[in-house]
Amino acid sequence: MRASQIKFEEFIESVQPAITTVILAGGLGTRIGGAKGLQSLHGRALIDWVLDSISSQSEEVLINANGVHDDYLYFGYPVIADQTPNWVGPLAGLQSALRLARHDWVASVPCDTPFLPVDLIARLYKAVSAITTVEAAVAVVAGKRQPTIALYHKNVLPKLDVYLNSGGRKVNSWLETLHLSEVVLDDAIAFTNINTLDDLAHANQIAVNVYVKDAIETLIIKKEN
């Protein structure tokens, strides 16, 4: 189905309902040496950074993980496993979240994007609320979809069940079956994702720069006051 593309500046103000967010951490992490969300970024687990961004935006947070359930329980949120077996990818985590979420709108974010903007979910919701027939909204950064960063209405679950049962696995192909809005976002650094140890080293440098910037801004505010 054709996607409508919306820039954030075009949104009309709308009242946001309660939203569930699932952090997708169900992959094997073979390229980085283990559970990706537990890898250390500037002394903290990757998933901890993601939680910083999305916990204040969500009335419910779920962590989708397979095989390391107890390790993720440490972060204080419910941990849900794939209900479709055999590690079929992030759509299986989304499927479980759509089944278990308390709220009608379910956002998905990956565990390997530590610098997500704190208004991400609000932007996605404004996109789905702008057009009544839209079932989902997906982030677009630098001209490319970020397929695992999206917001869905729970009524897409039967379609997802059919797609997975038919052998479908690709998130972008699944998105093409929906009435979809694309949300164009400008800050590419905010959507930095980490797949390898080299990516992690680069992200550690970004994290240092973020801390230095925050520290300088704090000092300026103190001096002004």
N, C-alpha and C. Protein backbone atom coordinates (compact mmCIF):
# COMPACT_ATOMS: atom_id res chain seq x y z
N MET A 1 0.83 -1.19 0.00
CA MET A 1 0.00 0.00 0.00
C MET A 1 0.87 1.25 0.00
N ARG A 2 0.35 2.33 -0.57
CA ARG A 2 1.12 3.56 -0.66
C ARG A 2 1.22 4.23 0.70
N ALA A 3 2.41 4.73 1.02
CA ALA A 3 2.63 5.41 2.29
C ALA A 3 2.50 6.91 2.10
N SER A 4 1.87 7.57 3.05
CA SER A 4 1.85 9.03 3.07
C SER A 4 3.04 9.51 3.87
N GLN A 5 3.75 10.52 3.35
CA GLN A 5 4.96 10.99 4.01
C GLN A 5 4.69 12.36 4.63
N ILE A 6 4.99 12.49 5.92
CA ILE A 6 4.66 13.68 6.68
C ILE A 6 5.91 14.17 7.41
N LYS A 7 6.15 15.49 7.30
CA LYS A 7 7.19 16.10 8.11
C LYS A 7 6.59 16.56 9.43
N PHE A 8 7.42 16.54 10.46
CA PHE A 8 6.91 16.85 11.80
C PHE A 8 6.24 18.22 11.86
N GLU A 9 6.77 19.19 11.10
CA GLU A 9 6.23 20.55 11.15
C GLU A 9 4.80 20.62 10.63
N GLU A 10 4.35 19.59 9.88
CA GLU A 10 3.04 19.61 9.27
C GLU A 10 1.95 19.10 10.21
N PHE A 11 2.34 18.57 11.38
CA PHE A 11 1.36 17.94 12.25
C PHE A 11 0.40 18.94 12.87
N ILE A 12 -0.83 18.48 13.05
CA ILE A 12 -1.82 19.21 13.82
C ILE A 12 -1.79 18.67 15.24
N GLU A 13 -1.89 19.55 16.21
CA GLU A 13 -1.83 19.12 17.61
C GLU A 13 -2.96 18.14 17.92
N SER A 14 -2.65 17.05 18.62
CA SER A 14 -3.66 16.06 18.96
C SER A 14 -3.38 15.51 20.35
N VAL A 15 -4.42 14.98 20.99
CA VAL A 15 -4.27 14.41 22.32
C VAL A 15 -3.76 12.98 22.19
N GLN A 16 -2.64 12.70 22.83
CA GLN A 16 -2.04 11.38 22.70
C GLN A 16 -2.62 10.42 23.72
N PRO A 17 -3.05 9.23 23.27
CA PRO A 17 -3.57 8.24 24.21
C PRO A 17 -2.43 7.51 24.92
N ALA A 18 -2.78 6.64 25.84
CA ALA A 18 -1.78 5.78 26.48
C ALA A 18 -1.14 4.87 25.43
N ILE A 19 0.15 4.72 25.52
CA ILE A 19 0.89 3.95 24.51
C ILE A 19 1.80 2.93 25.20
N THR A 20 1.83 1.73 24.64
CA THR A 20 2.79 0.69 25.04
C THR A 20 3.99 0.76 24.10
N THR A 21 5.17 0.67 24.64
CA THR A 21 6.38 0.57 23.80
C THR A 21 7.09 -0.74 24.08
N VAL A 22 7.45 -1.44 23.01
CA VAL A 22 8.25 -2.65 23.14
C VAL A 22 9.66 -2.37 22.63
N ILE A 23 10.64 -2.72 23.45
CA ILE A 23 12.04 -2.65 23.03
C ILE A 23 12.42 -4.02 22.47
N LEU A 24 12.80 -4.04 21.22
CA LEU A 24 13.10 -5.31 20.53
C LEU A 24 14.54 -5.72 20.80
N ALA A 25 14.71 -6.71 21.66
CA ALA A 25 16.03 -7.20 22.04
C ALA A 25 16.10 -8.72 21.88
N GLY A 26 15.31 -9.24 20.94
CA GLY A 26 15.19 -10.68 20.81
C GLY A 26 16.18 -11.36 19.90
N GLY A 27 17.07 -10.58 19.26
CA GLY A 27 18.01 -11.17 18.32
C GLY A 27 19.16 -11.90 18.99
N LEU A 28 19.90 -12.65 18.19
CA LEU A 28 21.02 -13.43 18.72
C LEU A 28 22.26 -12.59 18.98
N GLY A 29 22.40 -11.45 18.28
CA GLY A 29 23.58 -10.60 18.48
C GLY A 29 24.87 -11.24 18.05
N THR A 30 24.83 -12.01 16.97
CA THR A 30 26.03 -12.75 16.55
C THR A 30 27.16 -11.85 16.10
N ARG A 31 26.85 -10.68 15.54
CA ARG A 31 27.89 -9.79 15.03
C ARG A 31 28.57 -8.97 16.13
N ILE A 32 27.98 -8.97 17.32
CA ILE A 32 28.56 -8.16 18.39
C ILE A 32 28.96 -9.00 19.60
N GLY A 33 28.73 -10.31 19.51
CA GLY A 33 29.23 -11.22 20.53
C GLY A 33 28.29 -11.53 21.66
N GLY A 34 26.97 -11.43 21.40
CA GLY A 34 26.01 -11.79 22.44
C GLY A 34 24.84 -10.83 22.46
N ALA A 35 24.01 -10.94 23.49
CA ALA A 35 22.80 -10.13 23.59
C ALA A 35 23.13 -8.65 23.40
N LYS A 36 22.59 -8.07 22.33
CA LYS A 36 23.00 -6.72 21.95
C LYS A 36 22.62 -5.68 23.00
N GLY A 37 21.43 -5.79 23.55
CA GLY A 37 20.97 -4.79 24.49
C GLY A 37 21.77 -4.74 25.78
N LEU A 38 22.55 -5.78 26.05
CA LEU A 38 23.35 -5.84 27.27
C LEU A 38 24.79 -5.36 27.06
N GLN A 39 25.15 -5.03 25.82
CA GLN A 39 26.49 -4.52 25.56
C GLN A 39 26.66 -3.16 26.24
N SER A 40 27.89 -2.86 26.65
CA SER A 40 28.15 -1.65 27.43
C SER A 40 28.47 -0.46 26.54
N LEU A 41 27.76 0.63 26.77
CA LEU A 41 28.01 1.89 26.10
C LEU A 41 28.28 2.94 27.17
N HIS A 42 29.51 3.40 27.23
CA HIS A 42 29.92 4.41 28.22
C HIS A 42 29.52 3.98 29.63
N GLY A 43 29.72 2.68 29.91
CA GLY A 43 29.50 2.16 31.25
C GLY A 43 28.08 1.72 31.57
N ARG A 44 27.18 1.80 30.59
CA ARG A 44 25.78 1.40 30.80
C ARG A 44 25.33 0.50 29.67
N ALA A 45 24.41 -0.41 29.98
CA ALA A 45 23.88 -1.30 28.94
C ALA A 45 23.14 -0.49 27.88
N LEU A 46 23.25 -0.93 26.63
CA LEU A 46 22.56 -0.24 25.54
C LEU A 46 21.08 -0.05 25.84
N ILE A 47 20.44 -1.09 26.36
CA ILE A 47 19.00 -1.00 26.60
C ILE A 47 18.68 0.05 27.66
N ASP A 48 19.61 0.31 28.57
CA ASP A 48 19.40 1.32 29.59
C ASP A 48 19.30 2.71 28.95
N TRP A 49 20.12 2.95 27.93
CA TRP A 49 20.04 4.21 27.20
C TRP A 49 18.69 4.35 26.50
N VAL A 50 18.24 3.26 25.89
CA VAL A 50 16.95 3.30 25.20
C VAL A 50 15.82 3.58 26.19
N LEU A 51 15.89 2.93 27.34
CA LEU A 51 14.88 3.17 28.38
C LEU A 51 14.85 4.63 28.81
N ASP A 52 16.01 5.27 28.88
CA ASP A 52 16.05 6.70 29.21
C ASP A 52 15.19 7.52 28.26
N SER A 53 15.23 7.13 26.98
CA SER A 53 14.51 7.89 25.96
C SER A 53 13.02 7.61 25.96
N ILE A 54 12.63 6.35 26.12
CA ILE A 54 11.23 5.99 25.84
C ILE A 54 10.37 5.78 27.09
N SER A 55 10.96 5.60 28.26
CA SER A 55 10.13 5.28 29.43
C SER A 55 9.21 6.44 29.80
N SER A 56 9.67 7.67 29.65
CA SER A 56 8.82 8.81 29.99
C SER A 56 7.76 9.07 28.93
N GLN A 57 7.90 8.44 27.76
CA GLN A 57 6.94 8.63 26.68
C GLN A 57 5.88 7.53 26.64
N SER A 58 5.99 6.55 27.52
CA SER A 58 5.17 5.34 27.41
C SER A 58 4.50 5.03 28.73
N GLU A 59 3.22 4.68 28.67
CA GLU A 59 2.51 4.26 29.88
C GLU A 59 2.84 2.82 30.24
N GLU A 60 3.30 2.06 29.27
CA GLU A 60 3.72 0.67 29.51
C GLU A 60 4.94 0.40 28.66
N VAL A 61 5.94 -0.26 29.25
CA VAL A 61 7.15 -0.66 28.52
C VAL A 61 7.31 -2.17 28.64
N LEU A 62 7.53 -2.81 27.50
CA LEU A 62 7.81 -4.24 27.44
C LEU A 62 9.18 -4.44 26.81
N ILE A 63 9.90 -5.45 27.26
CA ILE A 63 11.18 -5.82 26.64
C ILE A 63 11.01 -7.18 25.99
N ASN A 64 11.24 -7.25 24.70
CA ASN A 64 11.18 -8.52 23.99
C ASN A 64 12.58 -9.13 23.95
N ALA A 65 12.74 -10.29 24.58
CA ALA A 65 14.04 -10.95 24.63
C ALA A 65 13.84 -12.46 24.63
N ASN A 66 14.80 -13.16 24.07
CA ASN A 66 14.75 -14.62 24.00
C ASN A 66 16.04 -15.20 24.56
N GLY A 67 15.92 -16.11 25.50
CA GLY A 67 17.09 -16.83 25.99
C GLY A 67 17.87 -16.13 27.10
N VAL A 68 17.62 -14.83 27.32
CA VAL A 68 18.33 -14.11 28.39
C VAL A 68 17.29 -13.37 29.24
N HIS A 69 16.19 -14.01 29.47
CA HIS A 69 15.04 -13.42 30.16
C HIS A 69 15.44 -12.77 31.48
N ASP A 70 16.17 -13.49 32.34
CA ASP A 70 16.50 -12.99 33.68
C ASP A 70 17.43 -11.78 33.62
N ASP A 71 18.33 -11.76 32.64
CA ASP A 71 19.25 -10.63 32.52
C ASP A 71 18.50 -9.34 32.23
N TYR A 72 17.46 -9.42 31.43
CA TYR A 72 16.69 -8.21 31.10
C TYR A 72 15.70 -7.84 32.20
N LEU A 73 15.29 -8.79 33.02
CA LEU A 73 14.41 -8.46 34.14
C LEU A 73 15.06 -7.45 35.09
N TYR A 74 16.37 -7.43 35.11
CA TYR A 74 17.12 -6.50 35.98
C TYR A 74 16.68 -5.05 35.78
N PHE A 75 16.21 -4.71 34.58
CA PHE A 75 15.89 -3.32 34.26
C PHE A 75 14.51 -2.91 34.75
N GLY A 76 13.75 -3.85 35.29
CA GLY A 76 12.53 -3.49 35.99
C GLY A 76 11.26 -3.45 35.17
N TYR A 77 11.29 -4.02 33.97
CA TYR A 77 10.11 -4.03 33.11
C TYR A 77 9.78 -5.47 32.71
N PRO A 78 8.51 -5.75 32.35
CA PRO A 78 8.16 -7.10 31.91
C PRO A 78 8.97 -7.52 30.68
N VAL A 79 9.42 -8.75 30.70
CA VAL A 79 10.18 -9.31 29.58
C VAL A 79 9.31 -10.36 28.89
N ILE A 80 9.11 -10.20 27.59
CA ILE A 80 8.26 -11.11 26.83
C ILE A 80 9.09 -11.79 25.73
N ALA A 81 8.83 -13.06 25.52
CA ALA A 81 9.54 -13.82 24.50
C ALA A 81 8.72 -13.88 23.22
N ASP A 82 9.38 -14.24 22.11
CA ASP A 82 8.67 -14.50 20.87
C ASP A 82 7.67 -15.62 21.08
N GLN A 83 6.49 -15.48 20.52
CA GLN A 83 5.52 -16.56 20.54
C GLN A 83 5.59 -17.40 19.26
N THR A 84 6.17 -16.83 18.21
CA THR A 84 6.50 -17.59 17.01
C THR A 84 7.91 -18.15 17.19
N PRO A 85 8.11 -19.46 17.09
CA PRO A 85 9.42 -20.05 17.42
C PRO A 85 10.46 -19.85 16.32
N ASN A 86 11.69 -20.24 16.65
CA ASN A 86 12.79 -20.35 15.69
C ASN A 86 13.43 -19.02 15.31
N TRP A 87 13.35 -18.03 16.20
CA TRP A 87 14.11 -16.79 15.99
C TRP A 87 13.85 -16.19 14.61
N VAL A 88 12.63 -15.83 14.34
CA VAL A 88 12.27 -15.38 12.99
C VAL A 88 12.48 -13.89 12.79
N GLY A 89 12.93 -13.17 13.80
CA GLY A 89 13.25 -11.77 13.62
C GLY A 89 12.36 -10.83 14.42
N PRO A 90 12.55 -9.52 14.22
CA PRO A 90 11.87 -8.52 15.06
C PRO A 90 10.35 -8.54 14.96
N LEU A 91 9.81 -9.03 13.85
CA LEU A 91 8.35 -9.08 13.74
C LEU A 91 7.73 -10.04 14.75
N ALA A 92 8.47 -11.05 15.15
CA ALA A 92 7.96 -11.97 16.18
C ALA A 92 7.86 -11.25 17.52
N GLY A 93 8.82 -10.38 17.81
CA GLY A 93 8.75 -9.59 19.03
C GLY A 93 7.58 -8.62 19.00
N LEU A 94 7.37 -8.00 17.84
CA LEU A 94 6.22 -7.10 17.69
C LEU A 94 4.92 -7.87 17.86
N GLN A 95 4.84 -9.05 17.29
CA GLN A 95 3.63 -9.89 17.40
C GLN A 95 3.30 -10.16 18.87
N SER A 96 4.30 -10.56 19.65
CA SER A 96 4.07 -10.82 21.07
C SER A 96 3.59 -9.56 21.79
N ALA A 97 4.21 -8.43 21.46
CA ALA A 97 3.83 -7.18 22.11
C ALA A 97 2.40 -6.77 21.77
N LEU A 98 2.01 -6.93 20.51
CA LEU A 98 0.65 -6.58 20.12
C LEU A 98 -0.37 -7.45 20.84
N ARG A 99 -0.01 -8.69 21.13
CA ARG A 99 -0.92 -9.59 21.85
C ARG A 99 -1.01 -9.24 23.33
N LEU A 100 0.07 -8.78 23.91
CA LEU A 100 0.14 -8.64 25.37
C LEU A 100 -0.03 -7.20 25.86
N ALA A 101 0.08 -6.22 24.96
CA ALA A 101 0.03 -4.82 25.36
C ALA A 101 -1.32 -4.46 25.97
N ARG A 102 -1.29 -3.59 26.97
CA ARG A 102 -2.52 -3.13 27.61
C ARG A 102 -3.21 -2.04 26.80
N HIS A 103 -2.47 -1.39 25.90
CA HIS A 103 -3.00 -0.22 25.20
C HIS A 103 -3.17 -0.48 23.70
N ASP A 104 -4.00 0.34 23.06
CA ASP A 104 -4.35 0.12 21.65
C ASP A 104 -3.22 0.47 20.69
N TRP A 105 -2.37 1.41 21.08
CA TRP A 105 -1.24 1.79 20.23
C TRP A 105 0.04 1.23 20.81
N VAL A 106 0.84 0.59 19.95
CA VAL A 106 2.07 -0.08 20.37
C VAL A 106 3.23 0.43 19.53
N ALA A 107 4.19 1.06 20.18
CA ALA A 107 5.41 1.51 19.51
C ALA A 107 6.48 0.43 19.62
N SER A 108 7.32 0.35 18.59
CA SER A 108 8.47 -0.56 18.65
C SER A 108 9.75 0.24 18.42
N VAL A 109 10.77 -0.07 19.20
CA VAL A 109 12.10 0.50 19.01
C VAL A 109 13.11 -0.62 19.23
N PRO A 110 14.25 -0.57 18.54
CA PRO A 110 15.27 -1.60 18.77
C PRO A 110 16.11 -1.28 19.99
N CYS A 111 16.78 -2.28 20.51
CA CYS A 111 17.61 -2.09 21.71
C CYS A 111 18.96 -1.49 21.37
N ASP A 112 19.25 -1.27 20.08
CA ASP A 112 20.59 -0.83 19.67
C ASP A 112 20.61 0.61 19.16
N THR A 113 19.60 1.42 19.54
CA THR A 113 19.57 2.83 19.15
C THR A 113 19.55 3.69 20.42
N PRO A 114 20.70 3.96 21.00
CA PRO A 114 20.75 4.54 22.34
C PRO A 114 20.44 6.03 22.43
N PHE A 115 20.38 6.74 21.30
CA PHE A 115 20.24 8.20 21.35
C PHE A 115 18.89 8.68 20.82
N LEU A 116 17.85 7.87 20.93
CA LEU A 116 16.54 8.22 20.39
C LEU A 116 16.03 9.52 21.00
N PRO A 117 15.33 10.35 20.19
CA PRO A 117 14.80 11.61 20.73
C PRO A 117 13.69 11.37 21.74
N VAL A 118 13.60 12.26 22.72
CA VAL A 118 12.64 12.07 23.80
C VAL A 118 11.21 12.38 23.37
N ASP A 119 11.03 12.92 22.16
CA ASP A 119 9.67 13.16 21.66
C ASP A 119 9.33 12.24 20.48
N LEU A 120 10.07 11.15 20.33
CA LEU A 120 9.87 10.25 19.20
C LEU A 120 8.44 9.72 19.12
N ILE A 121 7.92 9.21 20.22
CA ILE A 121 6.61 8.57 20.19
C ILE A 121 5.51 9.60 19.91
N ALA A 122 5.68 10.80 20.44
CA ALA A 122 4.72 11.87 20.15
C ALA A 122 4.69 12.17 18.65
N ARG A 123 5.84 12.19 18.03
CA ARG A 123 5.90 12.45 16.59
C ARG A 123 5.21 11.33 15.80
N LEU A 124 5.47 10.09 16.19
CA LEU A 124 4.84 8.98 15.49
C LEU A 124 3.32 9.01 15.68
N TYR A 125 2.88 9.32 16.90
CA TYR A 125 1.43 9.33 17.12
C TYR A 125 0.75 10.44 16.33
N LYS A 126 1.36 11.60 16.28
CA LYS A 126 0.76 12.70 15.51
C LYS A 126 0.60 12.32 14.05
N ALA A 127 1.49 11.47 13.54
CA ALA A 127 1.36 11.03 12.15
C ALA A 127 0.16 10.12 11.95
N VAL A 128 -0.07 9.20 12.88
CA VAL A 128 -1.22 8.30 12.72
C VAL A 128 -2.53 9.01 13.01
N SER A 129 -2.49 10.04 13.86
CA SER A 129 -3.73 10.75 14.19
C SER A 129 -4.13 11.74 13.11
N ALA A 130 -3.19 12.10 12.23
CA ALA A 130 -3.48 13.08 11.18
C ALA A 130 -4.38 12.51 10.09
N ILE A 131 -4.34 11.18 9.88
CA ILE A 131 -5.12 10.52 8.83
C ILE A 131 -5.83 9.34 9.46
N THR A 132 -7.15 9.34 9.45
CA THR A 132 -7.91 8.35 10.23
C THR A 132 -7.74 6.93 9.74
N THR A 133 -7.38 6.73 8.47
CA THR A 133 -7.26 5.37 7.94
C THR A 133 -5.89 4.75 8.20
N VAL A 134 -4.97 5.52 8.74
CA VAL A 134 -3.60 5.03 8.92
C VAL A 134 -3.55 4.03 10.07
N GLU A 135 -2.86 2.90 9.83
CA GLU A 135 -2.71 1.85 10.83
C GLU A 135 -1.37 1.89 11.55
N ALA A 136 -0.39 2.57 10.92
CA ALA A 136 0.96 2.56 11.48
C ALA A 136 1.73 3.77 10.97
N ALA A 137 2.77 4.14 11.72
CA ALA A 137 3.69 5.19 11.29
C ALA A 137 5.11 4.68 11.49
N VAL A 138 6.00 5.01 10.56
CA VAL A 138 7.38 4.55 10.64
C VAL A 138 8.31 5.74 10.47
N ALA A 139 9.43 5.73 11.18
CA ALA A 139 10.41 6.80 11.09
C ALA A 139 11.20 6.69 9.79
N VAL A 140 11.49 7.85 9.19
CA VAL A 140 12.34 7.94 8.00
C VAL A 140 13.45 8.92 8.30
N VAL A 141 14.69 8.48 8.18
CA VAL A 141 15.85 9.30 8.50
C VAL A 141 16.82 9.25 7.33
N ALA A 142 17.27 10.42 6.86
CA ALA A 142 18.20 10.51 5.74
C ALA A 142 17.67 9.75 4.52
N GLY A 143 16.36 9.85 4.31
CA GLY A 143 15.75 9.24 3.14
C GLY A 143 15.49 7.75 3.25
N LYS A 144 15.79 7.15 4.39
CA LYS A 144 15.62 5.70 4.55
C LYS A 144 14.68 5.39 5.72
N ARG A 145 13.83 4.41 5.51
CA ARG A 145 12.99 3.95 6.61
C ARG A 145 13.84 3.31 7.71
N GLN A 146 13.42 3.55 8.93
CA GLN A 146 13.97 2.83 10.08
C GLN A 146 12.89 1.82 10.49
N PRO A 147 12.85 0.65 9.86
CA PRO A 147 11.66 -0.20 9.92
C PRO A 147 11.27 -0.70 11.31
N THR A 148 12.22 -0.79 12.22
CA THR A 148 11.87 -1.26 13.57
C THR A 148 11.50 -0.12 14.51
N ILE A 149 11.50 1.12 13.99
CA ILE A 149 11.07 2.27 14.78
C ILE A 149 9.73 2.73 14.24
N ALA A 150 8.67 2.26 14.87
CA ALA A 150 7.34 2.46 14.31
C ALA A 150 6.28 2.43 15.41
N LEU A 151 5.07 2.84 15.03
CA LEU A 151 3.92 2.81 15.93
C LEU A 151 2.77 2.14 15.20
N TYR A 152 2.12 1.18 15.87
CA TYR A 152 1.07 0.37 15.26
C TYR A 152 -0.20 0.39 16.10
N HIS A 153 -1.35 0.32 15.44
CA HIS A 153 -2.58 0.04 16.15
C HIS A 153 -2.71 -1.47 16.30
N LYS A 154 -3.27 -1.92 17.43
CA LYS A 154 -3.37 -3.35 17.69
C LYS A 154 -4.22 -4.10 16.66
N ASN A 155 -5.03 -3.36 15.90
CA ASN A 155 -5.85 -4.07 14.91
C ASN A 155 -5.05 -4.63 13.75
N VAL A 156 -3.73 -4.37 13.70
CA VAL A 156 -2.90 -4.97 12.64
C VAL A 156 -2.47 -6.38 13.00
N LEU A 157 -2.72 -6.82 14.23
CA LEU A 157 -2.23 -8.13 14.67
C LEU A 157 -2.69 -9.28 13.78
N PRO A 158 -3.98 -9.38 13.40
CA PRO A 158 -4.36 -10.49 12.52
C PRO A 158 -3.58 -10.51 11.20
N LYS A 159 -3.30 -9.33 10.65
CA LYS A 159 -2.51 -9.26 9.41
C LYS A 159 -1.08 -9.76 9.65
N LEU A 160 -0.53 -9.39 10.81
CA LEU A 160 0.83 -9.84 11.11
C LEU A 160 0.87 -11.35 11.32
N ASP A 161 -0.14 -11.90 11.98
CA ASP A 161 -0.22 -13.36 12.15
C ASP A 161 -0.19 -14.05 10.79
N VAL A 162 -0.98 -13.55 9.87
CA VAL A 162 -1.05 -14.15 8.52
C VAL A 162 0.31 -14.03 7.83
N TYR A 163 0.92 -12.85 7.94
CA TYR A 163 2.21 -12.62 7.27
C TYR A 163 3.29 -13.57 7.80
N LEU A 164 3.38 -13.71 9.12
CA LEU A 164 4.39 -14.60 9.69
C LEU A 164 4.09 -16.07 9.38
N ASN A 165 2.82 -16.44 9.43
CA ASN A 165 2.45 -17.83 9.15
C ASN A 165 2.71 -18.21 7.69
N SER A 166 2.72 -17.19 6.82
CA SER A 166 2.99 -17.45 5.40
C SER A 166 4.49 -17.51 5.09
N GLY A 167 5.31 -17.29 6.11
CA GLY A 167 6.77 -17.32 5.93
C GLY A 167 7.40 -15.96 5.78
N GLY A 168 6.60 -14.88 5.83
CA GLY A 168 7.15 -13.54 5.74
C GLY A 168 8.01 -13.20 6.94
N ARG A 169 9.10 -12.49 6.70
CA ARG A 169 10.03 -12.17 7.78
C ARG A 169 10.52 -10.71 7.74
N LYS A 170 10.48 -10.06 6.58
CA LYS A 170 11.09 -8.74 6.42
C LYS A 170 10.14 -7.64 6.90
N VAL A 171 10.65 -6.78 7.77
CA VAL A 171 9.81 -5.74 8.35
C VAL A 171 9.34 -4.76 7.28
N ASN A 172 10.22 -4.37 6.36
CA ASN A 172 9.82 -3.43 5.32
C ASN A 172 8.73 -3.99 4.43
N SER A 173 8.81 -5.27 4.11
CA SER A 173 7.77 -5.90 3.29
C SER A 173 6.45 -5.93 4.05
N TRP A 174 6.50 -6.17 5.35
CA TRP A 174 5.30 -6.16 6.18
C TRP A 174 4.67 -4.76 6.20
N LEU A 175 5.52 -3.74 6.34
CA LEU A 175 5.01 -2.37 6.36
C LEU A 175 4.26 -2.04 5.07
N GLU A 176 4.70 -2.60 3.95
CA GLU A 176 4.05 -2.31 2.67
C GLU A 176 2.63 -2.84 2.61
N THR A 177 2.25 -3.72 3.52
CA THR A 177 0.89 -4.26 3.52
C THR A 177 -0.09 -3.39 4.30
N LEU A 178 0.42 -2.33 4.95
CA LEU A 178 -0.39 -1.53 5.86
C LEU A 178 -0.72 -0.16 5.27
N HIS A 179 -1.76 0.46 5.82
CA HIS A 179 -2.01 1.89 5.58
C HIS A 179 -1.03 2.64 6.47
N LEU A 180 -0.02 3.26 5.85
CA LEU A 180 1.18 3.68 6.56
C LEU A 180 1.47 5.16 6.36
N SER A 181 1.93 5.82 7.42
CA SER A 181 2.51 7.16 7.33
C SER A 181 4.01 7.05 7.60
N GLU A 182 4.78 7.81 6.83
CA GLU A 182 6.21 7.90 7.07
C GLU A 182 6.50 9.24 7.73
N VAL A 183 7.22 9.22 8.83
CA VAL A 183 7.53 10.43 9.59
C VAL A 183 8.97 10.81 9.31
N VAL A 184 9.18 11.93 8.64
CA VAL A 184 10.51 12.36 8.25
C VAL A 184 11.17 13.08 9.42
N LEU A 185 12.30 12.55 9.86
CA LEU A 185 13.03 13.10 11.00
C LEU A 185 14.44 13.46 10.56
N ASP A 186 14.99 14.52 11.13
CA ASP A 186 16.22 15.10 10.59
C ASP A 186 17.50 14.70 11.32
N ASP A 187 17.43 14.37 12.59
CA ASP A 187 18.64 14.16 13.39
C ASP A 187 19.16 12.74 13.23
N ALA A 188 20.09 12.55 12.29
CA ALA A 188 20.59 11.20 12.01
C ALA A 188 21.33 10.60 13.20
N ILE A 189 22.04 11.44 13.98
CA ILE A 189 22.78 10.92 15.12
C ILE A 189 21.84 10.29 16.14
N ALA A 190 20.65 10.86 16.28
CA ALA A 190 19.67 10.32 17.24
C ALA A 190 19.24 8.91 16.90
N PHE A 191 19.45 8.52 15.64
CA PHE A 191 19.02 7.19 15.20
C PHE A 191 20.21 6.29 14.89
N THR A 192 21.37 6.63 15.46
CA THR A 192 22.55 5.77 15.34
C THR A 192 22.22 4.38 15.89
N ASN A 193 22.48 3.36 15.06
CA ASN A 193 22.25 2.00 15.56
C ASN A 193 23.56 1.22 15.58
N ILE A 194 23.60 0.22 16.43
CA ILE A 194 24.84 -0.49 16.74
C ILE A 194 24.69 -1.96 16.41
N ASN A 195 25.48 -2.41 15.43
CA ASN A 195 25.43 -3.81 15.03
C ASN A 195 26.74 -4.56 15.26
N THR A 196 27.85 -3.82 15.34
CA THR A 196 29.17 -4.44 15.46
C THR A 196 29.96 -3.75 16.58
N LEU A 197 31.10 -4.33 16.92
CA LEU A 197 31.96 -3.72 17.94
C LEU A 197 32.51 -2.38 17.45
N ASP A 198 32.76 -2.24 16.14
CA ASP A 198 33.20 -0.95 15.60
C ASP A 198 32.11 0.10 15.78
N ASP A 199 30.86 -0.29 15.51
CA ASP A 199 29.74 0.63 15.74
C ASP A 199 29.68 1.05 17.20
N LEU A 200 29.94 0.11 18.09
CA LEU A 200 29.88 0.39 19.52
C LEU A 200 30.98 1.38 19.92
N ALA A 201 32.16 1.22 19.36
CA ALA A 201 33.25 2.15 19.65
C ALA A 201 32.90 3.55 19.17
N HIS A 202 32.30 3.65 17.99
CA HIS A 202 31.88 4.95 17.46
C HIS A 202 30.81 5.57 18.36
N ALA A 203 29.85 4.76 18.80
CA ALA A 203 28.78 5.26 19.66
C ALA A 203 29.32 5.71 21.01
N ASN A 204 30.36 5.05 21.51
CA ASN A 204 30.97 5.47 22.77
C ASN A 204 31.53 6.88 22.65
N GLN A 205 32.08 7.22 21.49
CA GLN A 205 32.59 8.57 21.28
C GLN A 205 31.44 9.58 21.23
N ILE A 206 30.34 9.19 20.59
CA ILE A 206 29.15 10.06 20.57
C ILE A 206 28.67 10.28 21.99
N ALA A 207 28.64 9.21 22.79
CA ALA A 207 28.18 9.32 24.18
C ALA A 207 29.04 10.28 24.97
N VAL A 208 30.35 10.22 24.78
CA VAL A 208 31.26 11.15 25.46
C VAL A 208 30.92 12.58 25.07
N ASN A 209 30.70 12.81 23.77
CA ASN A 209 30.37 14.16 23.30
C ASN A 209 29.05 14.65 23.89
N VAL A 210 28.09 13.75 24.02
CA VAL A 210 26.80 14.10 24.61
C VAL A 210 26.98 14.53 26.06
N TYR A 211 27.77 13.76 26.82
CA TYR A 211 28.00 14.10 28.22
C TYR A 211 28.73 15.44 28.36
N VAL A 212 29.73 15.67 27.50
CA VAL A 212 30.48 16.93 27.55
C VAL A 212 29.55 18.10 27.24
N LYS A 213 28.72 17.96 26.20
CA LYS A 213 27.78 19.01 25.82
C LYS A 213 26.81 19.31 26.96
N ASP A 214 26.26 18.26 27.59
CA ASP A 214 25.33 18.45 28.70
C ASP A 214 26.01 19.15 29.88
N ALA A 215 27.26 18.75 30.14
CA ALA A 215 27.99 19.35 31.25
C ALA A 215 28.24 20.84 31.01
N ILE A 216 28.61 21.20 29.77
CA ILE A 216 28.86 22.61 29.44
C ILE A 216 27.57 23.42 29.57
N GLU A 217 26.45 22.87 29.05
CA GLU A 217 25.17 23.57 29.14
C GLU A 217 24.75 23.76 30.59
N THR A 218 25.01 22.76 31.44
CA THR A 218 24.68 22.87 32.86
C THR A 218 25.49 23.98 33.53
N LEU A 219 26.79 24.06 33.20
CA LEU A 219 27.64 25.10 33.77
C LEU A 219 27.19 26.50 33.33
N ILE A 220 26.79 26.63 32.07
CA ILE A 220 26.33 27.91 31.56
C ILE A 220 25.07 28.36 32.29
N ILE A 221 24.14 27.41 32.49
CA ILE A 221 22.89 27.72 33.21
C ILE A 221 23.18 28.17 34.64
N LYS A 222 24.11 27.46 35.30
CA LYS A 222 24.46 27.81 36.69
C LYS A 222 25.06 29.20 36.76
N LYS A 223 25.93 29.54 35.79
CA LYS A 223 26.57 30.86 35.80
C LYS A 223 25.54 31.97 35.55
N GLU A 224 24.57 31.69 34.66
CA GLU A 224 23.55 32.68 34.36
C GLU A 224 22.64 32.95 35.54
N ASN A 225 22.47 31.90 36.38
CA ASN A 225 21.60 32.04 37.54
C ASN A 225 22.37 32.56 38.76
